[in-house]
PDB file of N, CA and C in Angstrom:
ATOM      1  N   UNK A   1      61.832  22.976 -24.168  1.00  0.00           N
ATOM      2  CA  UNK A   1      60.834  22.001 -23.819  1.00  0.00           C
ATOM      3  C   UNK A   1      59.448  22.571 -24.131  1.00  0.00           C
ATOM      4  N   UNK A   2      58.630  21.777 -24.789  1.00  0.00           N
ATOM      5  CA  UNK A   2      57.282  22.192 -25.159  1.00  0.00           C
ATOM      6  C   UNK A   2      56.317  21.806 -24.043  1.00  0.00           C
ATOM      7  N   UNK A   3      55.544  22.765 -23.602  1.00  0.00           N
ATOM      8  CA  UNK A   3      54.550  22.501 -22.552  1.00  0.00           C
ATOM      9  C   UNK A   3      53.207  22.246 -23.231  1.00  0.00           C
ATOM     10  N   UNK A   4      52.662  21.083 -22.969  1.00  0.00           N
ATOM     11  CA  UNK A   4      51.374  20.733 -23.562  1.00  0.00           C
ATOM     12  C   UNK A   4      50.255  21.012 -22.566  1.00  0.00           C
ATOM     13  N   UNK A   5      49.185  21.519 -23.102  1.00  0.00           N
ATOM     14  CA  UNK A   5      47.995  21.756 -22.284  1.00  0.00           C
ATOM     15  C   UNK A   5      47.309  20.413 -22.023  1.00  0.00           C
ATOM     16  N   UNK A   6      46.722  20.252 -20.869  1.00  0.00           N
ATOM     17  CA  UNK A   6      46.007  19.006 -20.602  1.00  0.00           C
ATOM     18  C   UNK A   6      44.817  18.854 -21.549  1.00  0.00           C
ATOM     19  N   UNK A   7      44.594  17.641 -21.976  1.00  0.00           N
ATOM     20  CA  UNK A   7      43.494  17.354 -22.902  1.00  0.00           C
ATOM     21  C   UNK A   7      42.206  17.195 -22.104  1.00  0.00           C
ATOM     22  N   UNK A   8      41.173  17.928 -22.547  1.00  0.00           N
ATOM     23  CA  UNK A   8      39.885  17.854 -21.866  1.00  0.00           C
ATOM     24  C   UNK A   8      39.193  16.557 -22.269  1.00  0.00           C
ATOM     25  N   UNK A   9      38.685  15.851 -21.286  1.00  0.00           N
ATOM     26  CA  UNK A   9      37.994  14.588 -21.536  1.00  0.00           C
ATOM     27  C   UNK A   9      36.521  14.874 -21.734  1.00  0.00           C
ATOM     28  N   UNK A  10      35.969  14.352 -22.823  1.00  0.00           N
ATOM     29  CA  UNK A  10      34.544  14.503 -23.092  1.00  0.00           C
ATOM     30  C   UNK A  10      33.780  13.529 -22.217  1.00  0.00           C
ATOM     31  N   UNK A  11      32.879  14.027 -21.411  1.00  0.00           N
ATOM     32  CA  UNK A  11      32.134  13.172 -20.488  1.00  0.00           C
ATOM     33  C   UNK A  11      31.126  12.281 -21.202  1.00  0.00           C
ATOM     34  N   UNK A  12      30.874  12.537 -22.482  1.00  0.00           N
ATOM     35  CA  UNK A  12      29.896  11.749 -23.214  1.00  0.00           C
ATOM     36  C   UNK A  12      30.565  10.939 -24.320  1.00  0.00           C
ATOM     37  N   UNK A  13      31.699  10.326 -24.029  1.00  0.00           N
ATOM     38  CA  UNK A  13      32.378   9.502 -25.021  1.00  0.00           C
ATOM     39  C   UNK A  13      31.679   8.165 -25.245  1.00  0.00           C
ATOM     40  N   UNK A  14      30.695   7.854 -24.439  1.00  0.00           N
ATOM     41  CA  UNK A  14      29.994   6.583 -24.563  1.00  0.00           C
ATOM     42  C   UNK A  14      29.111   6.542 -25.802  1.00  0.00           C
ATOM     43  N   UNK A  15      28.794   7.669 -26.377  1.00  0.00           N
ATOM     44  CA  UNK A  15      27.953   7.708 -27.567  1.00  0.00           C
ATOM     45  C   UNK A  15      26.477   7.816 -27.247  1.00  0.00           C
ATOM     46  N   UNK A  16      26.120   7.943 -25.987  1.00  0.00           N
ATOM     47  CA  UNK A  16      24.723   8.038 -25.594  1.00  0.00           C
ATOM     48  C   UNK A  16      24.239   9.462 -25.835  1.00  0.00           C
ATOM     49  N   UNK A  17      23.114   9.574 -26.533  1.00  0.00           N
ATOM     50  CA  UNK A  17      22.509  10.882 -26.772  1.00  0.00           C
ATOM     51  C   UNK A  17      21.332  11.021 -25.812  1.00  0.00           C
ATOM     52  N   UNK A  18      21.557  11.752 -24.720  1.00  0.00           N
ATOM     53  CA  UNK A  18      20.550  11.850 -23.674  1.00  0.00           C
ATOM     54  C   UNK A  18      19.317  12.626 -24.106  1.00  0.00           C
ATOM     55  N   UNK A  19      19.474  13.618 -24.958  1.00  0.00           N
ATOM     56  CA  UNK A  19      18.312  14.397 -25.392  1.00  0.00           C
ATOM     57  C   UNK A  19      17.387  13.545 -26.257  1.00  0.00           C
ATOM     58  N   UNK A  20      17.963  12.754 -27.160  1.00  0.00           N
ATOM     59  CA  UNK A  20      17.146  11.852 -27.980  1.00  0.00           C
ATOM     60  C   UNK A  20      16.487  10.786 -27.113  1.00  0.00           C
ATOM     61  N   UNK A  21      17.235  10.263 -26.149  1.00  0.00           N
ATOM     62  CA  UNK A  21      16.695   9.230 -25.265  1.00  0.00           C
ATOM     63  C   UNK A  21      15.486   9.756 -24.508  1.00  0.00           C
ATOM     64  N   UNK A  22      15.578  10.971 -23.999  1.00  0.00           N
ATOM     65  CA  UNK A  22      14.484  11.566 -23.233  1.00  0.00           C
ATOM     66  C   UNK A  22      13.270  11.822 -24.116  1.00  0.00           C
ATOM     67  N   UNK A  23      13.509  12.299 -25.339  1.00  0.00           N
ATOM     68  CA  UNK A  23      12.422  12.582 -26.266  1.00  0.00           C
ATOM     69  C   UNK A  23      11.656  11.301 -26.622  1.00  0.00           C
ATOM     70  N   UNK A  24      12.395  10.235 -26.895  1.00  0.00           N
ATOM     71  CA  UNK A  24      11.760   8.969 -27.246  1.00  0.00           C
ATOM     72  C   UNK A  24      11.048   8.377 -26.032  1.00  0.00           C
ATOM     73  N   UNK A  25      11.638   8.501 -24.859  1.00  0.00           N
ATOM     74  CA  UNK A  25      10.999   7.998 -23.635  1.00  0.00           C
ATOM     75  C   UNK A  25       9.669   8.712 -23.394  1.00  0.00           C
ATOM     76  N   UNK A  26       9.618  10.013 -23.606  1.00  0.00           N
ATOM     77  CA  UNK A  26       8.368  10.764 -23.454  1.00  0.00           C
ATOM     78  C   UNK A  26       7.329  10.296 -24.459  1.00  0.00           C
ATOM     79  N   UNK A  27       7.742  10.036 -25.699  1.00  0.00           N
ATOM     80  CA  UNK A  27       6.806   9.535 -26.714  1.00  0.00           C
ATOM     81  C   UNK A  27       6.247   8.175 -26.305  1.00  0.00           C
ATOM     82  N   UNK A  28       7.101   7.292 -25.813  1.00  0.00           N
ATOM     83  CA  UNK A  28       6.657   5.953 -25.421  1.00  0.00           C
ATOM     84  C   UNK A  28       5.671   6.030 -24.255  1.00  0.00           C
ATOM     85  N   UNK A  29       5.917   6.911 -23.305  1.00  0.00           N
ATOM     86  CA  UNK A  29       5.005   7.060 -22.162  1.00  0.00           C
ATOM     87  C   UNK A  29       3.637   7.567 -22.586  1.00  0.00           C
ATOM     88  N   UNK A  30       3.586   8.408 -23.619  1.00  0.00           N
ATOM     89  CA  UNK A  30       2.320   8.980 -24.079  1.00  0.00           C
ATOM     90  C   UNK A  30       1.621   8.098 -25.100  1.00  0.00           C
ATOM     91  N   UNK A  31       2.310   7.104 -25.610  1.00  0.00           N
ATOM     92  CA  UNK A  31       1.743   6.237 -26.634  1.00  0.00           C
ATOM     93  C   UNK A  31       0.660   5.338 -26.049  1.00  0.00           C
ATOM     94  N   UNK A  32      -0.258   4.928 -26.898  1.00  0.00           N
ATOM     95  CA  UNK A  32      -1.373   4.097 -26.438  1.00  0.00           C
ATOM     96  C   UNK A  32      -1.178   2.610 -26.747  1.00  0.00           C
ATOM     97  N   UNK A  33      -0.021   2.223 -27.223  1.00  0.00           N
ATOM     98  CA  UNK A  33       0.220   0.816 -27.524  1.00  0.00           C
ATOM     99  C   UNK A  33       0.343   0.023 -26.222  1.00  0.00           C
ATOM    100  N   UNK A  34      -0.332  -1.117 -26.166  1.00  0.00           N
ATOM    101  CA  UNK A  34      -0.400  -1.873 -24.913  1.00  0.00           C
ATOM    102  C   UNK A  34       0.932  -2.487 -24.517  1.00  0.00           C
ATOM    103  N   UNK A  35       1.722  -2.948 -25.456  1.00  0.00           N
ATOM    104  CA  UNK A  35       2.984  -3.607 -25.126  1.00  0.00           C
ATOM    105  C   UNK A  35       4.030  -2.626 -24.608  1.00  0.00           C
ATOM    106  N   UNK A  36       3.850  -1.348 -24.875  1.00  0.00           N
ATOM    107  CA  UNK A  36       4.829  -0.358 -24.420  1.00  0.00           C
ATOM    108  C   UNK A  36       4.841  -0.207 -22.903  1.00  0.00           C
ATOM    109  N   UNK A  37       3.734  -0.542 -22.255  1.00  0.00           N
ATOM    110  CA  UNK A  37       3.686  -0.438 -20.799  1.00  0.00           C
ATOM    111  C   UNK A  37       4.579  -1.488 -20.134  1.00  0.00           C
ATOM    112  N   UNK A  38       4.891  -2.569 -20.855  1.00  0.00           N
ATOM    113  CA  UNK A  38       5.728  -3.637 -20.314  1.00  0.00           C
ATOM    114  C   UNK A  38       7.207  -3.451 -20.619  1.00  0.00           C
ATOM    115  N   UNK A  39       7.553  -2.460 -21.420  1.00  0.00           N
ATOM    116  CA  UNK A  39       8.949  -2.255 -21.799  1.00  0.00           C
ATOM    117  C   UNK A  39       9.563  -1.125 -20.974  1.00  0.00           C
ATOM    118  N   UNK A  40      10.884  -1.099 -20.973  1.00  0.00           N
ATOM    119  CA  UNK A  40      11.627  -0.009 -20.345  1.00  0.00           C
ATOM    120  C   UNK A  40      12.522   0.607 -21.407  1.00  0.00           C
ATOM    121  N   UNK A  41      12.299   1.876 -21.748  1.00  0.00           N
ATOM    122  CA  UNK A  41      13.148   2.496 -22.761  1.00  0.00           C
ATOM    123  C   UNK A  41      14.564   2.688 -22.240  1.00  0.00           C
ATOM    124  N   UNK A  42      15.519   2.407 -23.087  1.00  0.00           N
ATOM    125  CA  UNK A  42      16.918   2.574 -22.735  1.00  0.00           C
ATOM    126  C   UNK A  42      17.510   3.766 -23.463  1.00  0.00           C
ATOM    127  N   UNK A  43      18.820   3.821 -23.568  1.00  0.00           N
ATOM    128  CA  UNK A  43      19.470   4.961 -24.212  1.00  0.00           C
ATOM    129  C   UNK A  43      19.477   4.848 -25.729  1.00  0.00           C
ATOM    130  N   UNK A  44      19.777   5.964 -26.371  1.00  0.00           N
ATOM    131  CA  UNK A  44      20.028   5.991 -27.814  1.00  0.00           C
ATOM    132  C   UNK A  44      21.538   5.996 -27.980  1.00  0.00           C
ATOM    133  N   UNK A  45      22.061   4.930 -28.578  1.00  0.00           N
ATOM    134  CA  UNK A  45      23.500   4.793 -28.812  1.00  0.00           C
ATOM    135  C   UNK A  45      23.767   5.021 -30.288  1.00  0.00           C
ATOM    136  N   UNK A  46      24.156   6.225 -30.647  1.00  0.00           N
ATOM    137  CA  UNK A  46      24.348   6.556 -32.050  1.00  0.00           C
ATOM    138  C   UNK A  46      22.999   6.590 -32.753  1.00  0.00           C
ATOM    139  N   UNK A  47      22.749   5.619 -33.640  1.00  0.00           N
ATOM    140  CA  UNK A  47      21.467   5.511 -34.346  1.00  0.00           C
ATOM    141  C   UNK A  47      20.686   4.285 -33.904  1.00  0.00           C
ATOM    142  N   UNK A  48      21.012   3.743 -32.761  1.00  0.00           N
ATOM    143  CA  UNK A  48      20.365   2.530 -32.260  1.00  0.00           C
ATOM    144  C   UNK A  48      19.660   2.850 -30.949  1.00  0.00           C
ATOM    145  N   UNK A  49      18.380   2.480 -30.872  1.00  0.00           N
ATOM    146  CA  UNK A  49      17.592   2.696 -29.664  1.00  0.00           C
ATOM    147  C   UNK A  49      17.468   1.380 -28.914  1.00  0.00           C
ATOM    148  N   UNK A  50      17.788   1.393 -27.636  1.00  0.00           N
ATOM    149  CA  UNK A  50      17.753   0.192 -26.803  1.00  0.00           C
ATOM    150  C   UNK A  50      16.432   0.145 -26.046  1.00  0.00           C
ATOM    151  N   UNK A  51      15.776  -1.013 -26.108  1.00  0.00           N
ATOM    152  CA  UNK A  51      14.546  -1.253 -25.358  1.00  0.00           C
ATOM    153  C   UNK A  51      14.760  -2.500 -24.521  1.00  0.00           C
ATOM    154  N   UNK A  52      14.407  -2.412 -23.235  1.00  0.00           N
ATOM    155  CA  UNK A  52      14.524  -3.556 -22.341  1.00  0.00           C
ATOM    156  C   UNK A  52      13.149  -4.185 -22.153  1.00  0.00           C
ATOM    157  N   UNK A  53      13.079  -5.509 -22.290  1.00  0.00           N
ATOM    158  CA  UNK A  53      11.821  -6.241 -22.164  1.00  0.00           C
ATOM    159  C   UNK A  53      11.949  -7.316 -21.092  1.00  0.00           C
ATOM    160  N   UNK A  54      10.828  -7.693 -20.449  1.00  0.00           N
ATOM    161  CA  UNK A  54      10.893  -8.668 -19.363  1.00  0.00           C
ATOM    162  C   UNK A  54      10.893 -10.132 -19.805  1.00  0.00           C
ATOM    163  N   UNK A  55      10.413 -10.405 -21.026  1.00  0.00           N
ATOM    164  CA  UNK A  55      10.333 -11.813 -21.438  1.00  0.00           C
ATOM    165  C   UNK A  55      10.628 -11.983 -22.921  1.00  0.00           C
ATOM    166  N   UNK A  56      10.873 -13.220 -23.288  1.00  0.00           N
ATOM    167  CA  UNK A  56      11.252 -13.558 -24.657  1.00  0.00           C
ATOM    168  C   UNK A  56      10.105 -13.358 -25.640  1.00  0.00           C
ATOM    169  N   UNK A  57       8.895 -13.585 -25.188  1.00  0.00           N
ATOM    170  CA  UNK A  57       7.723 -13.436 -26.056  1.00  0.00           C
ATOM    171  C   UNK A  57       7.596 -11.993 -26.548  1.00  0.00           C
ATOM    172  N   UNK A  58       7.737 -11.045 -25.639  1.00  0.00           N
ATOM    173  CA  UNK A  58       7.661  -9.633 -26.001  1.00  0.00           C
ATOM    174  C   UNK A  58       8.840  -9.229 -26.886  1.00  0.00           C
ATOM    175  N   UNK A  59       9.997  -9.794 -26.629  1.00  0.00           N
ATOM    176  CA  UNK A  59      11.176  -9.520 -27.455  1.00  0.00           C
ATOM    177  C   UNK A  59      10.925  -9.945 -28.899  1.00  0.00           C
ATOM    178  N   UNK A  60      10.359 -11.136 -29.088  1.00  0.00           N
ATOM    179  CA  UNK A  60      10.053 -11.615 -30.435  1.00  0.00           C
ATOM    180  C   UNK A  60       9.005 -10.738 -31.121  1.00  0.00           C
ATOM    181  N   UNK A  61       8.007 -10.302 -30.371  1.00  0.00           N
ATOM    182  CA  UNK A  61       6.968  -9.434 -30.919  1.00  0.00           C
ATOM    183  C   UNK A  61       7.561  -8.115 -31.404  1.00  0.00           C
ATOM    184  N   UNK A  62       8.431  -7.517 -30.592  1.00  0.00           N
ATOM    185  CA  UNK A  62       9.046  -6.245 -30.975  1.00  0.00           C
ATOM    186  C   UNK A  62       9.989  -6.400 -32.167  1.00  0.00           C
ATOM    187  N   UNK A  63      10.682  -7.524 -32.239  1.00  0.00           N
ATOM    188  CA  UNK A  63      11.570  -7.756 -33.383  1.00  0.00           C
ATOM    189  C   UNK A  63      10.773  -7.849 -34.674  1.00  0.00           C
ATOM    190  N   UNK A  64       9.566  -8.427 -34.604  1.00  0.00           N
ATOM    191  CA  UNK A  64       8.717  -8.514 -35.798  1.00  0.00           C
ATOM    192  C   UNK A  64       8.188  -7.142 -36.216  1.00  0.00           C
ATOM    193  N   UNK A  65       7.968  -6.263 -35.269  1.00  0.00           N
ATOM    194  CA  UNK A  65       7.402  -4.942 -35.544  1.00  0.00           C
ATOM    195  C   UNK A  65       8.449  -3.834 -35.564  1.00  0.00           C
ATOM    196  N   UNK A  66       9.711  -4.186 -35.689  1.00  0.00           N
ATOM    197  CA  UNK A  66      10.798  -3.206 -35.576  1.00  0.00           C
ATOM    198  C   UNK A  66      10.646  -2.036 -36.545  1.00  0.00           C
ATOM    199  N   UNK A  67      10.387  -2.310 -37.817  1.00  0.00           N
ATOM    200  CA  UNK A  67      10.291  -1.232 -38.803  1.00  0.00           C
ATOM    201  C   UNK A  67       9.116  -0.307 -38.510  1.00  0.00           C
ATOM    202  N   UNK A  68       7.996  -0.874 -38.094  1.00  0.00           N
ATOM    203  CA  UNK A  68       6.821  -0.071 -37.753  1.00  0.00           C
ATOM    204  C   UNK A  68       7.114   0.835 -36.558  1.00  0.00           C
ATOM    205  N   UNK A  69       7.803   0.308 -35.565  1.00  0.00           N
ATOM    206  CA  UNK A  69       8.161   1.091 -34.380  1.00  0.00           C
ATOM    207  C   UNK A  69       9.092   2.235 -34.757  1.00  0.00           C
ATOM    208  N   UNK A  70      10.093   1.936 -35.586  1.00  0.00           N
ATOM    209  CA  UNK A  70      11.044   2.973 -36.010  1.00  0.00           C
ATOM    210  C   UNK A  70      10.350   4.081 -36.789  1.00  0.00           C
ATOM    211  N   UNK A  71       9.401   3.709 -37.639  1.00  0.00           N
ATOM    212  CA  UNK A  71       8.657   4.709 -38.415  1.00  0.00           C
ATOM    213  C   UNK A  71       7.817   5.584 -37.497  1.00  0.00           C
ATOM    214  N   UNK A  72       7.156   4.973 -36.507  1.00  0.00           N
ATOM    215  CA  UNK A  72       6.341   5.749 -35.574  1.00  0.00           C
ATOM    216  C   UNK A  72       7.195   6.692 -34.725  1.00  0.00           C
ATOM    217  N   UNK A  73       8.349   6.223 -34.283  1.00  0.00           N
ATOM    218  CA  UNK A  73       9.247   7.086 -33.501  1.00  0.00           C
ATOM    219  C   UNK A  73       9.697   8.272 -34.349  1.00  0.00           C
ATOM    220  N   UNK A  74      10.061   8.011 -35.595  1.00  0.00           N
ATOM    221  CA  UNK A  74      10.507   9.095 -36.473  1.00  0.00           C
ATOM    222  C   UNK A  74       9.378  10.086 -36.755  1.00  0.00           C
ATOM    223  N   UNK A  75       8.179   9.565 -36.944  1.00  0.00           N
ATOM    224  CA  UNK A  75       7.038  10.429 -37.245  1.00  0.00           C
ATOM    225  C   UNK A  75       6.689  11.347 -36.077  1.00  0.00           C
ATOM    226  N   UNK A  76       6.745  10.828 -34.857  1.00  0.00           N
ATOM    227  CA  UNK A  76       6.314  11.606 -33.698  1.00  0.00           C
ATOM    228  C   UNK A  76       7.427  12.412 -33.023  1.00  0.00           C
ATOM    229  N   UNK A  77       8.684  12.011 -33.184  1.00  0.00           N
ATOM    230  CA  UNK A  77       9.765  12.715 -32.494  1.00  0.00           C
ATOM    231  C   UNK A  77      10.754  13.377 -33.449  1.00  0.00           C
ATOM    232  N   UNK A  78      10.656  13.101 -34.736  1.00  0.00           N
ATOM    233  CA  UNK A  78      11.585  13.630 -35.752  1.00  0.00           C
ATOM    234  C   UNK A  78      13.017  13.127 -35.530  1.00  0.00           C
ATOM    235  N   UNK A  79      13.152  11.958 -34.910  1.00  0.00           N
ATOM    236  CA  UNK A  79      14.462  11.353 -34.683  1.00  0.00           C
ATOM    237  C   UNK A  79      14.584  10.129 -35.578  1.00  0.00           C
ATOM    238  N   UNK A  80      15.574  10.142 -36.464  1.00  0.00           N
ATOM    239  CA  UNK A  80      15.768   9.031 -37.395  1.00  0.00           C
ATOM    240  C   UNK A  80      16.715   8.015 -36.770  1.00  0.00           C
ATOM    241  N   UNK A  81      16.227   6.789 -36.616  1.00  0.00           N
ATOM    242  CA  UNK A  81      17.014   5.700 -36.053  1.00  0.00           C
ATOM    243  C   UNK A  81      17.190   4.616 -37.101  1.00  0.00           C
ATOM    244  N   UNK A  82      18.295   3.899 -37.021  1.00  0.00           N
ATOM    245  CA  UNK A  82      18.553   2.817 -37.966  1.00  0.00           C
ATOM    246  C   UNK A  82      18.021   1.483 -37.477  1.00  0.00           C
ATOM    247  N   UNK A  83      18.025   1.303 -36.152  1.00  0.00           N
ATOM    248  CA  UNK A  83      17.756  -0.022 -35.640  1.00  0.00           C
ATOM    249  C   UNK A  83      17.311   0.038 -34.188  1.00  0.00           C
ATOM    250  N   UNK A  84      16.591  -1.007 -33.768  1.00  0.00           N
ATOM    251  CA  UNK A  84      16.270  -1.213 -32.359  1.00  0.00           C
ATOM    252  C   UNK A  84      17.172  -2.302 -31.815  1.00  0.00           C
ATOM    253  N   UNK A  85      17.583  -2.144 -30.596  1.00  0.00           N
ATOM    254  CA  UNK A  85      18.311  -3.192 -29.899  1.00  0.00           C
ATOM    255  C   UNK A  85      17.413  -3.631 -28.746  1.00  0.00           C
ATOM    256  N   UNK A  86      16.781  -4.776 -28.912  1.00  0.00           N
ATOM    257  CA  UNK A  86      15.828  -5.264 -27.919  1.00  0.00           C
ATOM    258  C   UNK A  86      16.554  -6.256 -27.025  1.00  0.00           C
ATOM    259  N   UNK A  87      16.632  -5.920 -25.731  1.00  0.00           N
ATOM    260  CA  UNK A  87      17.400  -6.726 -24.793  1.00  0.00           C
ATOM    261  C   UNK A  87      16.530  -7.141 -23.622  1.00  0.00           C
ATOM    262  N   UNK A  88      16.856  -8.300 -23.071  1.00  0.00           N
ATOM    263  CA  UNK A  88      16.152  -8.780 -21.890  1.00  0.00           C
ATOM    264  C   UNK A  88      16.623  -7.975 -20.687  1.00  0.00           C
ATOM    265  N   UNK A  89      15.667  -7.506 -19.880  1.00  0.00           N
ATOM    266  CA  UNK A  89      16.052  -6.758 -18.681  1.00  0.00           C
ATOM    267  C   UNK A  89      16.597  -7.724 -17.645  1.00  0.00           C
ATOM    268  N   UNK A  90      17.547  -7.261 -16.874  1.00  0.00           N
ATOM    269  CA  UNK A  90      18.203  -8.114 -15.898  1.00  0.00           C
ATOM    270  C   UNK A  90      17.883  -7.616 -14.495  1.00  0.00           C
ATOM    271  N   UNK A  91      16.600  -7.708 -14.141  1.00  0.00           N
ATOM    272  CA  UNK A  91      16.191  -7.208 -12.832  1.00  0.00           C
ATOM    273  C   UNK A  91      15.804  -8.336 -11.872  1.00  0.00           C
ATOM    274  N   UNK A  92      16.192  -9.539 -12.179  1.00  0.00           N
ATOM    275  CA  UNK A  92      15.879 -10.683 -11.318  1.00  0.00           C
ATOM    276  C   UNK A  92      17.051 -11.083 -10.458  1.00  0.00           C
ATOM    277  N   UNK A  93      17.931 -10.146 -10.146  1.00  0.00           N
ATOM    278  CA  UNK A  93      19.118 -10.458  -9.365  1.00  0.00           C
ATOM    279  C   UNK A  93      18.821 -10.434  -7.886  1.00  0.00           C
TER     280      UNK A  93
END
């Protein structure tokens, strides 16, 4: 009978990169852009950065400026992202 060793479970199988998330969050807090004060930075899932916004107007604004935001994040943090995922925050429960 072959005895198998137990398989170690990776606690970060979700794909969230906490170090990148923290670095980008610090950049956003130090940034002087006015709309950034209304957003909540979320996690980095692979090459996608999640941003939570309170209203649809801000969501549309960020979607229009997505490439500019990605370029600024890459320039200041040296983190290359493919896309932003802009989601409505669900804090009205």
